[in-house]
Amino acid sequence: MIEALVICWAVLPGPVGKRLAPMMPVLVPLLRRDGELNLTDAEAVLPMRMSASTIVRKLAPERAKLVLLGR
């Protein structure tokens, strides 16, 4: 599920959880239709029901990779 969440987050310009959570019910079906997400119907419901705080916690490792170190 984290891979699907990362794909949804990357499609948009990296929004925070508060802005991504309301978009998930729209974004997941569109990405499934276009073949970007390979999820079953039961799996597709899970990212759409995630709260904003859960999204932030699950995406923390991905966001940490984008932090520049040094100058």
Protein backbone atom coordinates (compact mmCIF):
# COMPACT_ATOMS: atom_id res chain seq x y z
CA MET A 1 0.00 0.00 0.00
CA ILE A 2 2.90 2.33 0.62
CA GLU A 3 4.04 1.97 -2.99
CA ALA A 4 0.59 3.02 -4.20
CA LEU A 5 0.62 5.95 -1.79
CA VAL A 6 4.06 7.05 -3.02
CA ILE A 7 2.88 6.93 -6.63
CA CYS A 8 -0.16 9.05 -5.80
CA TRP A 9 2.05 11.50 -3.91
CA ALA A 10 4.55 11.71 -6.77
CA VAL A 11 1.89 12.33 -9.43
CA LEU A 12 0.89 15.51 -7.64
CA PRO A 13 3.68 17.95 -6.82
CA GLY A 14 4.43 16.34 -3.43
CA PRO A 15 1.57 17.72 -1.33
CA VAL A 16 1.33 17.35 2.43
CA GLY A 17 -1.08 14.82 3.89
CA LYS A 18 -3.81 17.37 4.53
CA ARG A 19 -3.99 18.24 0.86
CA LEU A 20 -3.41 14.72 -0.46
CA ALA A 21 -6.07 12.97 1.64
CA PRO A 22 -9.08 14.69 -0.01
CA MET A 23 -7.64 13.98 -3.47
CA MET A 24 -7.17 10.24 -2.96
CA PRO A 25 -10.80 9.23 -3.79
CA VAL A 26 -10.39 11.02 -7.13
CA LEU A 27 -6.77 10.13 -7.86
CA VAL A 28 -6.76 6.37 -7.14
CA PRO A 29 -9.55 5.48 -9.63
CA LEU A 30 -7.92 7.63 -12.31
CA LEU A 31 -4.52 6.00 -11.84
CA ARG A 32 -6.10 2.54 -11.81
CA ARG A 33 -7.94 3.32 -15.03
CA ASP A 34 -4.74 4.46 -16.73
CA GLY A 35 -2.81 1.40 -15.52
CA GLU A 36 -0.45 3.27 -13.20
CA LEU A 37 -1.74 1.47 -10.10
CA ASN A 38 -2.29 -2.27 -10.13
CA LEU A 39 -4.64 -2.69 -7.18
CA THR A 40 -7.63 -4.91 -6.60
CA ASP A 41 -10.92 -3.33 -5.58
CA ALA A 42 -10.31 -4.22 -1.92
CA GLU A 43 -6.78 -2.78 -2.00
CA ALA A 44 -7.90 0.42 -3.73
CA VAL A 45 -10.23 1.29 -0.86
CA LEU A 46 -7.41 1.41 1.69
CA PRO A 47 -5.48 4.46 0.40
CA MET A 48 -8.73 6.31 -0.21
CA ARG A 49 -9.74 5.87 3.44
CA MET A 50 -6.39 6.88 4.99
CA SER A 51 -6.37 9.89 7.24
CA ALA A 52 -4.06 12.82 6.62
CA SER A 53 -1.88 12.00 9.63
CA THR A 54 -1.46 8.38 8.49
CA ILE A 55 -0.44 9.59 5.04
CA VAL A 56 2.17 11.87 6.60
CA ARG A 57 3.59 9.01 8.68
CA LYS A 58 3.71 6.58 5.74
CA LEU A 59 5.35 9.13 3.42
CA ALA A 60 7.98 10.31 5.95
CA PRO A 61 10.77 8.03 4.60
CA GLU A 62 10.11 9.17 1.02
CA ARG A 63 10.08 12.83 2.01
CA ALA A 64 13.33 12.34 3.95
CA LYS A 65 15.03 11.19 0.75
CA LEU A 66 14.30 14.58 -0.82
CA VAL A 67 15.99 16.62 1.91
CA LEU A 68 19.23 18.09 0.67
CA LEU A 69 22.27 17.51 2.86
CA GLY A 70 25.07 20.01 3.03
CA ARG A 71 25.07 23.19 1.03
